C-alpha atoms as a PDB file:
ATOM      1  CA  MET A   1      30.383 -62.122   7.042  1.00  0.00           C
ATOM      2  CA  SER A   2      27.915 -59.294   7.635  1.00  0.00           C
ATOM      3  CA  LYS A   3      28.501 -56.173   7.405  1.00  0.00           C
ATOM      4  CA  PRO A   4      30.073 -53.130   9.775  1.00  0.00           C
ATOM      5  CA  LYS A   5      27.243 -50.827  11.060  1.00  0.00           C
ATOM      6  CA  PHE A   6      28.557 -48.145   9.823  1.00  0.00           C
ATOM      7  CA  GLN A   7      29.156 -49.088   6.154  1.00  0.00           C
ATOM      8  CA  ALA A   8      25.776 -49.990   6.233  1.00  0.00           C
ATOM      9  CA  GLU A   9      24.704 -46.206   6.987  1.00  0.00           C
ATOM     10  CA  TRP A  10      27.131 -44.776   4.681  1.00  0.00           C
ATOM     11  CA  GLU A  11      25.906 -46.820   2.127  1.00  0.00           C
ATOM     12  CA  GLU A  12      22.707 -45.605   2.569  1.00  0.00           C
ATOM     13  CA  ILE A  13      23.594 -41.890   2.781  1.00  0.00           C
ATOM     14  CA  ASP A  14      25.060 -42.949  -0.327  1.00  0.00           C
ATOM     15  CA  GLU A  15      22.713 -44.005  -1.976  1.00  0.00           C
ATOM     16  CA  GLU A  16      20.426 -40.473  -1.169  1.00  0.00           C
ATOM     17  CA  TYR A  17      22.924 -38.364  -2.189  1.00  0.00           C
ATOM     18  CA  GLN A  18      22.837 -39.879  -5.826  1.00  0.00           C
ATOM     19  CA  GLN A  19      19.200 -39.385  -5.512  1.00  0.00           C
ATOM     20  CA  LEU A  20      19.416 -35.489  -4.239  1.00  0.00           C
ATOM     21  CA  GLN A  21      21.389 -34.724  -7.590  1.00  0.00           C
ATOM     22  CA  GLU A  22      19.065 -36.388  -9.707  1.00  0.00           C
ATOM     23  CA  THR A  23      16.709 -34.549  -8.032  1.00  0.00           C
ATOM     24  CA  HIS A  24      18.627 -31.176  -7.913  1.00  0.00           C
ATOM     25  CA  LYS A  25      19.163 -32.210 -12.025  1.00  0.00           C
ATOM     26  CA  ILE A  26      15.471 -32.390 -12.777  1.00  0.00           C
ATOM     27  CA  TYR A  27      15.025 -29.273 -10.860  1.00  0.00           C
ATOM     28  CA  ARG A  28      17.556 -27.062 -12.169  1.00  0.00           C
ATOM     29  CA  GLN A  29      16.532 -27.826 -15.722  1.00  0.00           C
ATOM     30  CA  LYS A  30      12.692 -27.433 -14.280  1.00  0.00           C
ATOM     31  CA  LEU A  31      13.580 -24.115 -13.402  1.00  0.00           C
ATOM     32  CA  GLU A  32      15.394 -23.453 -16.667  1.00  0.00           C
ATOM     33  CA  GLU A  33      12.229 -24.242 -18.262  1.00  0.00           C
ATOM     34  CA  LEU A  34      10.589 -22.009 -16.165  1.00  0.00           C
ATOM     35  CA  THR A  35      12.479 -19.043 -16.811  1.00  0.00           C
ATOM     36  CA  ASN A  36      12.115 -18.982 -19.964  1.00  0.00           C
ATOM     37  CA  LEU A  37       8.832 -19.275 -20.099  1.00  0.00           C
ATOM     38  CA  GLN A  38       8.952 -16.423 -17.873  1.00  0.00           C
ATOM     39  CA  ALA A  39      10.836 -14.350 -20.900  1.00  0.00           C
ATOM     40  CA  THR A  40       8.395 -15.781 -22.991  1.00  0.00           C
ATOM     41  CA  CYS A  41       5.376 -14.533 -21.313  1.00  0.00           C
ATOM     42  CA  SER A  42       6.394 -11.322 -20.592  1.00  0.00           C
ATOM     43  CA  SER A  43       7.482 -10.287 -24.487  1.00  0.00           C
ATOM     44  CA  ALA A  44       4.036 -11.411 -25.401  1.00  0.00           C
ATOM     45  CA  ILE A  45       2.265  -9.892 -23.073  1.00  0.00           C
ATOM     46  CA  SER A  46       4.437  -6.357 -24.213  1.00  0.00           C
ATOM     47  CA  LYS A  47       3.606  -7.324 -27.490  1.00  0.00           C
ATOM     48  CA  GLN A  48      -0.391  -7.359 -27.052  1.00  0.00           C
ATOM     49  CA  ARG A  49      -0.190  -4.367 -24.710  1.00  0.00           C
ATOM     50  CA  LYS A  50       1.548  -2.502 -27.936  1.00  0.00           C
ATOM     51  CA  CYS A  51      -0.985  -4.130 -30.113  1.00  0.00           C
ATOM     52  CA  LEU A  52      -3.983  -3.157 -27.992  1.00  0.00           C
ATOM     53  CA  LYS A  53      -2.612   0.084 -27.387  1.00  0.00           C
ATOM     54  CA  ASP A  54      -1.851   0.899 -31.923  1.00  0.00           C
ATOM     55  CA  LEU A  55      -5.541  -0.877 -32.259  1.00  0.00           C
ATOM     56  CA  ARG A  56      -7.368   1.763 -29.701  1.00  0.00           C
ATOM     57  CA  HIS A  57      -5.441   5.138 -31.087  1.00  0.00           C
ATOM     58  CA  SER A  58      -6.999   3.681 -34.518  1.00  0.00           C
ATOM     59  CA  LEU A  59     -10.582   3.441 -33.135  1.00  0.00           C
ATOM     60  CA  THR A  60     -10.459   6.318 -31.840  1.00  0.00           C
ATOM     61  CA  LYS A  61     -10.371   7.894 -35.391  1.00  0.00           C
ATOM     62  CA  CYS A  62     -12.402   6.160 -36.668  1.00  0.00           C
ATOM     63  CA  ALA A  63     -14.763   6.312 -34.136  1.00  0.00           C
ATOM     64  CA  LYS A  64     -15.322  10.326 -35.710  1.00  0.00           C
ATOM     65  CA  THR A  65     -16.081   9.416 -38.811  1.00  0.00           C
ATOM     66  CA  CYS A  66     -18.509   5.844 -38.604  1.00  0.00           C
ATOM     67  CA  ASP A  67     -21.762   5.133 -38.127  1.00  0.00           C
ATOM     68  CA  GLU A  68     -24.101   4.137 -34.885  1.00  0.00           C
ATOM     69  CA  ASN A  69     -23.421   0.299 -35.558  1.00  0.00           C
ATOM     70  CA  ASP A  70     -19.987   0.561 -35.656  1.00  0.00           C
ATOM     71  CA  LEU A  71     -19.346   3.428 -33.010  1.00  0.00           C
ATOM     72  CA  LYS A  72     -21.191   0.449 -30.985  1.00  0.00           C
ATOM     73  CA  LEU A  73     -18.686  -1.665 -32.429  1.00  0.00           C
ATOM     74  CA  ILE A  74     -16.140   0.437 -31.265  1.00  0.00           C
ATOM     75  CA  MET A  75     -17.065   0.881 -27.477  1.00  0.00           C
ATOM     76  CA  ASP A  76     -17.279  -3.134 -27.400  1.00  0.00           C
ATOM     77  CA  ILE A  77     -13.851  -3.590 -28.265  1.00  0.00           C
ATOM     78  CA  LYS A  78     -12.621  -0.628 -26.494  1.00  0.00           C
ATOM     79  CA  THR A  79     -14.582  -2.323 -23.530  1.00  0.00           C
ATOM     80  CA  GLN A  80     -12.533  -6.080 -24.236  1.00  0.00           C
ATOM     81  CA  ILE A  81      -9.633  -3.792 -24.530  1.00  0.00           C
ATOM     82  CA  LYS A  82      -9.672  -3.076 -20.651  1.00  0.00           C
ATOM     83  CA  ASP A  83     -11.284  -6.087 -19.941  1.00  0.00           C
ATOM     84  CA  LYS A  84      -7.599  -7.837 -21.017  1.00  0.00           C
ATOM     85  CA  GLU A  85      -5.468  -4.869 -19.830  1.00  0.00           C
ATOM     86  CA  ASN A  86      -6.796  -5.691 -16.254  1.00  0.00           C
ATOM     87  CA  VAL A  87      -5.825  -9.564 -17.080  1.00  0.00           C
ATOM     88  CA  PHE A  88      -2.101  -8.700 -17.839  1.00  0.00           C
ATOM     89  CA  PHE A  89      -2.129  -7.303 -14.444  1.00  0.00           C
ATOM     90  CA  ASP A  90      -3.121 -10.105 -13.025  1.00  0.00           C
ATOM     91  CA  MET A  91      -0.840 -12.325 -15.100  1.00  0.00           C
ATOM     92  CA  GLU A  92       2.234  -9.417 -13.958  1.00  0.00           C
ATOM     93  CA  ALA A  93       1.444  -9.976 -10.690  1.00  0.00           C
ATOM     94  CA  TYR A  94       3.792 -13.749 -10.606  1.00  0.00           C
ATOM     95  CA  LEU A  95       6.753 -12.639 -13.661  1.00  0.00           C
ATOM     96  CA  PRO A  96       9.501 -11.064 -12.705  1.00  0.00           C
ATOM     97  CA  LYS A  97       9.428  -7.700 -13.612  1.00  0.00           C
ATOM     98  CA  LYS A  98      11.755  -4.529 -13.095  1.00  0.00           C
ATOM     99  CA  ASN A  99      11.048  -2.481  -9.907  1.00  0.00           C
ATOM    100  CA  GLY A 100      10.641   1.330  -9.220  1.00  0.00           C
ATOM    101  CA  LEU A 101      12.511   3.609  -9.078  1.00  0.00           C
ATOM    102  CA  TYR A 102      11.859   3.764  -5.151  1.00  0.00           C
ATOM    103  CA  LEU A 103      13.092   0.178  -4.705  1.00  0.00           C
ATOM    104  CA  ASN A 104      15.498   0.242  -6.762  1.00  0.00           C
ATOM    105  CA  LEU A 105      17.153   2.991  -4.620  1.00  0.00           C
ATOM    106  CA  VAL A 106      16.038   1.057  -1.835  1.00  0.00           C
ATOM    107  CA  LEU A 107      16.602  -2.801  -2.475  1.00  0.00           C
ATOM    108  CA  GLY A 108      18.768  -2.117  -5.813  1.00  0.00           C
ATOM    109  CA  ASN A 109      17.900  -4.199  -8.817  1.00  0.00           C
ATOM    110  CA  VAL A 110      16.594  -7.513  -7.005  1.00  0.00           C
ATOM    111  CA  ASN A 111      13.166  -9.565  -7.954  1.00  0.00           C
ATOM    112  CA  VAL A 112      10.579  -9.378  -5.574  1.00  0.00           C
ATOM    113  CA  THR A 113       8.056 -10.754  -7.282  1.00  0.00           C
ATOM    114  CA  LEU A 114       6.468 -13.755  -5.228  1.00  0.00           C
ATOM    115  CA  LEU A 115       5.585 -16.632  -7.846  1.00  0.00           C
ATOM    116  CA  SER A 116       3.054 -18.178  -5.653  1.00  0.00           C
ATOM    117  CA  ASN A 117      -0.732 -17.950  -4.023  1.00  0.00           C
ATOM    118  CA  GLN A 118       0.502 -19.094  -0.942  1.00  0.00           C
ATOM    119  CA  ALA A 119       3.578 -16.563  -0.769  1.00  0.00           C
ATOM    120  CA  LYS A 120       1.969 -13.605  -1.963  1.00  0.00           C
ATOM    121  CA  PHE A 121      -1.099 -14.113   1.024  1.00  0.00           C
ATOM    122  CA  ALA A 122       1.423 -14.648   4.008  1.00  0.00           C
ATOM    123  CA  TYR A 123       3.504 -11.461   2.405  1.00  0.00           C
ATOM    124  CA  LYS A 124       0.097  -9.364   2.300  1.00  0.00           C
ATOM    125  CA  ASP A 125      -0.872 -10.992   6.062  1.00  0.00           C
ATOM    126  CA  GLU A 126       1.818 -10.434   7.232  1.00  0.00           C
ATOM    127  CA  TYR A 127       2.145  -6.326   6.756  1.00  0.00           C
ATOM    128  CA  GLU A 128      -1.306  -6.109   8.149  1.00  0.00           C
ATOM    129  CA  LYS A 129       0.074  -7.899  11.241  1.00  0.00           C
ATOM    130  CA  PHE A 130       2.930  -5.602  11.321  1.00  0.00           C
ATOM    131  CA  LYS A 131       0.735  -2.237  10.831  1.00  0.00           C
ATOM    132  CA  LEU A 132      -1.456  -3.499  14.097  1.00  0.00           C
ATOM    133  CA  TYR A 133       1.290  -4.577  15.958  1.00  0.00           C
ATOM    134  CA  MET A 134       3.316  -0.945  14.974  1.00  0.00           C
ATOM    135  CA  THR A 135      -0.443   0.704  15.489  1.00  0.00           C
ATOM    136  CA  ILE A 136      -0.653   0.389  19.341  1.00  0.00           C
ATOM    137  CA  ILE A 137       2.731   0.252  20.301  1.00  0.00           C
ATOM    138  CA  LEU A 138       2.699   3.876  18.755  1.00  0.00           C
ATOM    139  CA  MET A 139      -0.399   4.040  20.577  1.00  0.00           C
ATOM    140  CA  PHE A 140       1.227   3.568  23.409  1.00  0.00           C
ATOM    141  CA  GLY A 141       4.017   5.557  22.726  1.00  0.00           C
ATOM    142  CA  ALA A 142       2.236   8.346  22.262  1.00  0.00           C
ATOM    143  CA  ILE A 143       0.511   7.879  25.524  1.00  0.00           C
ATOM    144  CA  THR A 144       3.610   7.334  27.528  1.00  0.00           C
ATOM    145  CA  CYS A 145       5.570  10.629  26.065  1.00  0.00           C
ATOM    146  CA  LEU A 146       2.719  12.590  26.647  1.00  0.00           C
ATOM    147  CA  PHE A 147       1.267  11.959  30.278  1.00  0.00           C
ATOM    148  CA  PHE A 148       4.345  10.733  32.230  1.00  0.00           C
ATOM    149  CA  LEU A 149       7.847  11.621  30.513  1.00  0.00           C
ATOM    150  CA  ASN A 150       7.966  15.168  29.324  1.00  0.00           C
ATOM    151  CA  CYS A 151      11.772  14.075  28.199  1.00  0.00           C
ATOM    152  CA  ARG A 152      13.130  14.770  24.684  1.00  0.00           C
ATOM    153  CA  VAL A 153      15.289  12.057  24.410  1.00  0.00           C
ATOM    154  CA  THR A 154      11.734  10.057  24.857  1.00  0.00           C
ATOM    155  CA  ASP A 155       9.801  12.203  22.406  1.00  0.00           C
ATOM    156  CA  GLU A 156      13.444  11.561  19.766  1.00  0.00           C
ATOM    157  CA  ILE A 157      12.563   7.786  19.995  1.00  0.00           C
ATOM    158  CA  PHE A 158       9.277   8.397  19.581  1.00  0.00           C
ATOM    159  CA  ASN A 159       9.456  10.177  16.297  1.00  0.00           C
ATOM    160  CA  PHE A 160      12.002   7.732  15.215  1.00  0.00           C
ATOM    161  CA  LEU A 161       9.325   5.316  15.808  1.00  0.00           C
ATOM    162  CA  LEU A 162       7.154   6.862  13.837  1.00  0.00           C
ATOM    163  CA  VAL A 163      10.251   7.314  10.671  1.00  0.00           C
ATOM    164  CA  TRP A 164      11.391   3.827  10.218  1.00  0.00           C
ATOM    165  CA  TYR A 165       7.527   3.172  10.317  1.00  0.00           C
ATOM    166  CA  TYR A 166       6.730   5.222   7.866  1.00  0.00           C
ATOM    167  CA  CYS A 167       9.808   4.249   5.935  1.00  0.00           C
ATOM    168  CA  THR A 168       8.712   0.247   6.201  1.00  0.00           C
ATOM    169  CA  LEU A 169       5.534   0.649   5.259  1.00  0.00           C
ATOM    170  CA  THR A 170       6.087   3.031   1.707  1.00  0.00           C
ATOM    171  CA  ILE A 171       8.745  -0.557   1.088  1.00  0.00           C
ATOM    172  CA  ARG A 172       6.478  -3.322   2.055  1.00  0.00           C
ATOM    173  CA  GLU A 173       3.636  -1.530  -0.111  1.00  0.00           C
ATOM    174  CA  SER A 174       5.919  -1.135  -3.138  1.00  0.00           C
ATOM    175  CA  ILE A 175       6.664  -4.912  -2.747  1.00  0.00           C
ATOM    176  CA  LEU A 176       2.941  -5.405  -2.500  1.00  0.00           C
ATOM    177  CA  MET A 177       2.184  -3.606  -5.415  1.00  0.00           C
ATOM    178  CA  SER A 178       4.293  -5.623  -7.324  1.00  0.00           C
ATOM    179  CA  ASN A 179       3.098  -8.768  -6.520  1.00  0.00           C
ATOM    180  CA  GLY A 180      -0.275  -7.042  -7.793  1.00  0.00           C
ATOM    181  CA  SER A 181      -1.866  -5.468  -4.746  1.00  0.00           C
ATOM    182  CA  ARG A 182      -4.072  -2.874  -5.879  1.00  0.00           C
ATOM    183  CA  ILE A 183      -2.985   0.115  -4.033  1.00  0.00           C
ATOM    184  CA  LYS A 184      -4.404   3.088  -6.037  1.00  0.00           C
ATOM    185  CA  GLY A 185      -4.026   6.662  -5.780  1.00  0.00           C
ATOM    186  CA  TRP A 186      -3.797   9.364  -2.838  1.00  0.00           C
ATOM    187  CA  TRP A 187      -2.994   6.436  -0.898  1.00  0.00           C
ATOM    188  CA  VAL A 188      -0.248   5.805  -2.149  1.00  0.00           C
ATOM    189  CA  SER A 189       1.885   9.207  -1.311  1.00  0.00           C
ATOM    190  CA  HIS A 190      -0.200   8.949   1.686  1.00  0.00           C
ATOM    191  CA  HIS A 191       3.119   7.098   3.822  1.00  0.00           C
ATOM    192  CA  TYR A 192       6.087   9.210   1.954  1.00  0.00           C
ATOM    193  CA  VAL A 193       3.647  12.249   3.189  1.00  0.00           C
ATOM    194  CA  SER A 194       3.965  10.623   6.375  1.00  0.00           C
ATOM    195  CA  THR A 195       7.634   9.628   6.560  1.00  0.00           C
ATOM    196  CA  PHE A 196       8.749  13.369   5.620  1.00  0.00           C
ATOM    197  CA  LEU A 197       6.350  14.285   7.847  1.00  0.00           C
ATOM    198  CA  SER A 198       8.251  12.745  10.711  1.00  0.00           C
ATOM    199  CA  GLY A 199      11.003  13.161   9.586  1.00  0.00           C
ATOM    200  CA  VAL A 200      11.152  16.402   9.938  1.00  0.00           C
ATOM    201  CA  MET A 201       9.662  15.910  13.437  1.00  0.00           C
ATOM    202  CA  LEU A 202      12.596  13.976  14.246  1.00  0.00           C
ATOM    203  CA  THR A 203      14.811  16.702  13.213  1.00  0.00           C
ATOM    204  CA  TRP A 204      13.180  19.782  14.686  1.00  0.00           C
ATOM    205  CA  PRO A 205      15.230  21.046  18.312  1.00  0.00           C
ATOM    206  CA  GLU A 206      14.299  21.833  21.782  1.00  0.00           C
ATOM    207  CA  GLY A 207      12.795  25.247  22.147  1.00  0.00           C
ATOM    208  CA  PRO A 208       9.851  26.837  23.114  1.00  0.00           C
ATOM    209  CA  MET A 209       8.603  26.618  19.290  1.00  0.00           C
ATOM    210  CA  TYR A 210       8.451  22.825  20.436  1.00  0.00           C
ATOM    211  CA  GLN A 211       7.178  22.292  23.470  1.00  0.00           C
ATOM    212  CA  MET A 212       4.328  24.620  22.340  1.00  0.00           C
ATOM    213  CA  PHE A 213       3.355  22.265  19.941  1.00  0.00           C
ATOM    214  CA  ARG A 214       4.510  19.081  21.590  1.00  0.00           C
ATOM    215  CA  SER A 215       0.929  18.260  23.421  1.00  0.00           C
ATOM    216  CA  GLN A 216      -1.028  18.626  20.189  1.00  0.00           C
ATOM    217  CA  PHE A 217       1.297  16.464  18.255  1.00  0.00           C
ATOM    218  CA  LEU A 218       1.196  14.347  20.719  1.00  0.00           C
ATOM    219  CA  ALA A 219      -2.594  14.464  22.076  1.00  0.00           C
ATOM    220  CA  PHE A 220      -3.358  13.551  17.514  1.00  0.00           C
ATOM    221  CA  SER A 221      -0.756  10.734  17.127  1.00  0.00           C
ATOM    222  CA  ILE A 222      -3.256   9.099  19.782  1.00  0.00           C
ATOM    223  CA  TYR A 223      -6.036   9.491  18.105  1.00  0.00           C
ATOM    224  CA  GLN A 224      -4.462   8.332  14.475  1.00  0.00           C
ATOM    225  CA  SER A 225      -3.023   5.438  16.309  1.00  0.00           C
ATOM    226  CA  PHE A 226      -7.125   5.008  17.730  1.00  0.00           C
ATOM    227  CA  VAL A 227      -8.696   5.443  14.524  1.00  0.00           C
ATOM    228  CA  GLN A 228      -6.540   3.008  12.293  1.00  0.00           C
ATOM    229  CA  PHE A 229      -6.696   0.706  15.006  1.00  0.00           C
ATOM    230  CA  LEU A 230     -10.445   1.032  14.467  1.00  0.00           C
ATOM    231  CA  GLN A 231     -10.446   1.040  10.941  1.00  0.00           C
ATOM    232  CA  TYR A 232      -8.253  -2.285  10.554  1.00  0.00           C
ATOM    233  CA  TYR A 233     -10.639  -4.459  12.803  1.00  0.00           C
ATOM    234  CA  TYR A 234     -13.587  -3.664  10.454  1.00  0.00           C
ATOM    235  CA  GLN A 235     -11.951  -3.273   6.936  1.00  0.00           C
ATOM    236  CA  SER A 236     -10.502  -6.549   7.896  1.00  0.00           C
ATOM    237  CA  GLY A 237     -13.541  -7.996   8.801  1.00  0.00           C
ATOM    238  CA  CYS A 238     -15.193  -6.156   5.725  1.00  0.00           C
ATOM    239  CA  LEU A 239     -12.691  -7.352   2.802  1.00  0.00           C
ATOM    240  CA  TYR A 240     -12.695 -11.004   4.255  1.00  0.00           C
ATOM    241  CA  ARG A 241     -16.480 -10.915   3.259  1.00  0.00           C
ATOM    242  CA  LEU A 242     -16.208  -9.071  -0.022  1.00  0.00           C
ATOM    243  CA  ARG A 243     -13.484 -11.410  -0.533  1.00  0.00           C
ATOM    244  CA  ALA A 244     -15.512 -15.035  -0.092  1.00  0.00           C
ATOM    245  CA  LEU A 245     -18.337 -13.625  -1.654  1.00  0.00           C
ATOM    246  CA  GLY A 246     -15.569 -12.818  -4.611  1.00  0.00           C
ATOM    247  CA  GLU A 247     -16.142  -8.982  -4.699  1.00  0.00           C
ATOM    248  CA  ARG A 248     -12.648  -8.385  -4.004  1.00  0.00           C
ATOM    249  CA  ASN A 249      -8.920  -9.394  -4.913  1.00  0.00           C
ATOM    250  CA  GLN A 250      -7.100 -11.368  -2.403  1.00  0.00           C
ATOM    251  CA  LEU A 251      -4.466  -9.211  -1.719  1.00  0.00           C
ATOM    252  CA  ASP A 252      -6.419  -6.132  -1.545  1.00  0.00           C
ATOM    253  CA  LEU A 253      -5.546  -4.406   1.718  1.00  0.00           C
ATOM    254  CA  THR A 254      -6.686  -2.117   5.058  1.00  0.00           C
ATOM    255  CA  VAL A 255      -5.636   1.277   4.401  1.00  0.00           C
ATOM    256  CA  GLU A 256      -6.088   5.259   6.683  1.00  0.00           C
ATOM    257  CA  GLY A 257      -8.672   6.507   4.410  1.00  0.00           C
ATOM    258  CA  PHE A 258     -11.827   5.512   3.792  1.00  0.00           C
ATOM    259  CA  GLN A 259     -12.620   3.446   0.104  1.00  0.00           C
ATOM    260  CA  SER A 260     -15.881   2.814  -2.113  1.00  0.00           C
ATOM    261  CA  TRP A 261     -15.743  -1.166  -0.518  1.00  0.00           C
ATOM    262  CA  MET A 262     -16.064   0.377   2.470  1.00  0.00           C
ATOM    263  CA  TRP A 263     -19.330   1.567   2.394  1.00  0.00           C
ATOM    264  CA  ARG A 264     -21.350  -1.834   3.757  1.00  0.00           C
ATOM    265  CA  GLY A 265     -21.178  -1.082   7.246  1.00  0.00           C
ATOM    266  CA  LEU A 266     -18.226   1.389   7.450  1.00  0.00           C
ATOM    267  CA  THR A 267     -19.576   4.038   7.372  1.00  0.00           C
ATOM    268  CA  PHE A 268     -20.016   4.638  10.836  1.00  0.00           C
ATOM    269  CA  LEU A 269     -15.875   5.522  10.430  1.00  0.00           C
ATOM    270  CA  LEU A 270     -16.590   8.426   8.864  1.00  0.00           C
ATOM    271  CA  PRO A 271     -17.406  11.197  11.779  1.00  0.00           C
ATOM    272  CA  PHE A 272     -13.573  10.024  12.665  1.00  0.00           C
ATOM    273  CA  LEU A 273     -12.315  10.004  10.043  1.00  0.00           C
ATOM    274  CA  PHE A 274     -13.808  13.412   8.937  1.00  0.00           C
ATOM    275  CA  PHE A 275     -12.215  14.614  12.349  1.00  0.00           C
ATOM    276  CA  GLY A 276      -9.222  13.396  12.292  1.00  0.00           C
ATOM    277  CA  HIS A 277      -8.455  15.336   8.708  1.00  0.00           C
ATOM    278  CA  PHE A 278      -9.750  19.118  10.172  1.00  0.00           C
ATOM    279  CA  TRP A 279      -6.840  18.295  13.094  1.00  0.00           C
ATOM    280  CA  GLN A 280      -4.491  17.985  10.775  1.00  0.00           C
ATOM    281  CA  LEU A 281      -6.137  21.214   9.148  1.00  0.00           C
ATOM    282  CA  TYR A 282      -5.671  22.631  12.864  1.00  0.00           C
ATOM    283  CA  ASN A 283      -2.535  21.352  13.365  1.00  0.00           C
ATOM    284  CA  SER A 284      -1.417  22.928   9.834  1.00  0.00           C
ATOM    285  CA  VAL A 285      -2.950  26.582  11.642  1.00  0.00           C
ATOM    286  CA  THR A 286      -1.563  26.163  15.075  1.00  0.00           C
ATOM    287  CA  LEU A 287       2.235  25.857  13.117  1.00  0.00           C
ATOM    288  CA  PHE A 288       1.388  28.517  10.366  1.00  0.00           C
ATOM    289  CA  ARG A 289       1.065  30.909  13.304  1.00  0.00           C
ATOM    290  CA  LEU A 290       4.240  29.428  15.609  1.00  0.00           C
ATOM    291  CA  ALA A 291       5.908  29.931  12.309  1.00  0.00           C
ATOM    292  CA  GLY A 292       4.748  33.852  12.011  1.00  0.00           C
ATOM    293  CA  HIS A 293       5.787  33.965  16.307  1.00  0.00           C
ATOM    294  CA  ASP A 294       8.848  36.323  16.648  1.00  0.00           C
ATOM    295  CA  ASP A 295      10.905  33.958  18.488  1.00  0.00           C
ATOM    296  CA  CYS A 296      10.039  31.520  15.878  1.00  0.00           C
ATOM    297  CA  LYS A 297      13.954  30.705  14.344  1.00  0.00           C
ATOM    298  CA  GLU A 298      13.366  26.990  13.193  1.00  0.00           C
ATOM    299  CA  TRP A 299      12.513  25.938   9.947  1.00  0.00           C
ATOM    300  CA  GLN A 300      11.147  23.402  10.855  1.00  0.00           C
ATOM    301  CA  VAL A 301       7.750  25.081  11.885  1.00  0.00           C
ATOM    302  CA  PHE A 302       6.586  26.405   8.701  1.00  0.00           C
ATOM    303  CA  MET A 303       7.700  23.492   7.200  1.00  0.00           C
ATOM    304  CA  LEU A 304       5.614  21.119   8.830  1.00  0.00           C
ATOM    305  CA  ALA A 305       2.042  23.411   8.584  1.00  0.00           C
ATOM    306  CA  LEU A 306       2.727  23.351   4.941  1.00  0.00           C
ATOM    307  CA  THR A 307       3.181  19.292   5.395  1.00  0.00           C
ATOM    308  CA  PHE A 308       0.452  18.830   7.581  1.00  0.00           C
ATOM    309  CA  LEU A 309      -2.215  20.689   5.168  1.00  0.00           C
ATOM    310  CA  VAL A 310      -1.048  18.568   1.996  1.00  0.00           C
ATOM    311  CA  LEU A 311      -2.084  15.851   4.815  1.00  0.00           C
ATOM    312  CA  PHE A 312      -5.265  17.402   5.206  1.00  0.00           C
ATOM    313  CA  LEU A 313      -6.336  18.443   2.016  1.00  0.00           C
ATOM    314  CA  GLY A 314      -5.326  14.893  -0.183  1.00  0.00           C
ATOM    315  CA  ASN A 315      -7.146  12.903   2.710  1.00  0.00           C
ATOM    316  CA  PHE A 316     -10.068  15.184   2.991  1.00  0.00           C
ATOM    317  CA  LEU A 317     -10.625  15.647  -0.613  1.00  0.00           C
ATOM    318  CA  THR A 318     -10.106  12.146  -1.586  1.00  0.00           C
ATOM    319  CA  THR A 319     -12.919  10.793   1.079  1.00  0.00           C
ATOM    320  CA  VAL A 320     -15.149  13.296  -0.181  1.00  0.00           C
ATOM    321  CA  LYS A 321     -14.774  12.363  -3.209  1.00  0.00           C
ATOM    322  CA  VAL A 322     -15.456   8.732  -2.723  1.00  0.00           C
ATOM    323  CA  VAL A 323     -18.462   9.312  -0.781  1.00  0.00           C
ATOM    324  CA  HIS A 324     -19.592  11.581  -3.695  1.00  0.00           C
ATOM    325  CA  GLN A 325     -19.181   9.295  -5.963  1.00  0.00           C
ATOM    326  CA  LYS A 326     -20.829   6.247  -4.146  1.00  0.00           C
ATOM    327  CA  ILE A 327     -23.986   8.251  -3.535  1.00  0.00           C
ATOM    328  CA  GLN A 328     -24.364   8.905  -6.785  1.00  0.00           C
ATOM    329  CA  LYS A 329     -24.064   5.338  -7.755  1.00  0.00           C
ATOM    330  CA  ASN A 330     -26.517   4.705  -5.076  1.00  0.00           C
ATOM    331  CA  GLN A 331     -28.787   7.172  -6.447  1.00  0.00           C
ATOM    332  CA  GLU A 332     -28.743   5.642  -9.956  1.00  0.00           C
ATOM    333  CA  LYS A 333     -28.978   2.020  -9.202  1.00  0.00           C
ATOM    334  CA  VAL A 334     -32.758   3.500  -6.998  1.00  0.00           C
ATOM    335  CA  LYS A 335     -33.168   5.233 -10.283  1.00  0.00           C
ATOM    336  CA  LYS A 336     -32.922   1.996 -12.463  1.00  0.00           C
ATOM    337  CA  ASN A 337     -34.868   0.179  -9.880  1.00  0.00           C
ATOM    338  CA  ASP A 338     -37.400   2.217 -10.406  1.00  0.00           C
END
């Protein structure tokens, strides 16, 4: 007598269930092995770092009294130590680690390390798309507020969108840095300062001082979004070429400023960037004048003036430093070739 159809289906499902249990058991064993390997690697890296730090300290002392041959050996060892520390940084990108203070405050002690290259690249690409789409949205939002809707409600929506955007960028960038992205220097702090500025703009109450600065701020926002769009378009193309040549890390990002790797074919962006920097200075000067106005009672005016000044100094000095360093390197190459 043949089995009923439902019994055959049940037996097939039950057999697959047994296989699933075995597979899951193996998975848990491998996961336990992976966790142990991660702990072993993290411990070994910490130990190596401590040993290298002690060795570097000893080498610095020896360098003061050694002869020329030993000095060359010491410099060679120090170079190798630096190379090893860079390798440790790349290793840690694939190991769970404690979050920094900012991520701990925002997310808590949650492991944000992405263990596979595919997951890292997918997150980085999603971050870049988020920046691009939000830049376009913010540009049209500023255009709408400036030319079509002179309304406090729409201004507040726009300012709230700015706060949310910059807050989100700081969180995403912190996660990317935990996964090996080398975002350095002023460009790490830039979005934190922008978040603060947007928050102060959001709290600035309606009044004569606000109306005096409103059009200038919205026009600046349109220009800033336009420049960021240009930067994204050309930087992403430049990064693609440099990654293909093996000259840049796969997790390198587009930024709002200018870095040394952007020199090839992107120097035309510098006038746009410098114009934006000096517009920030102009905003600061305008706000300082408004703060000295007899009718000015809002604390936001002086605070915004200071914040725009900080942004100008950070952006301008960092860009000038990068350009100066690049020109010096190019001059040194020309001298060597001669």
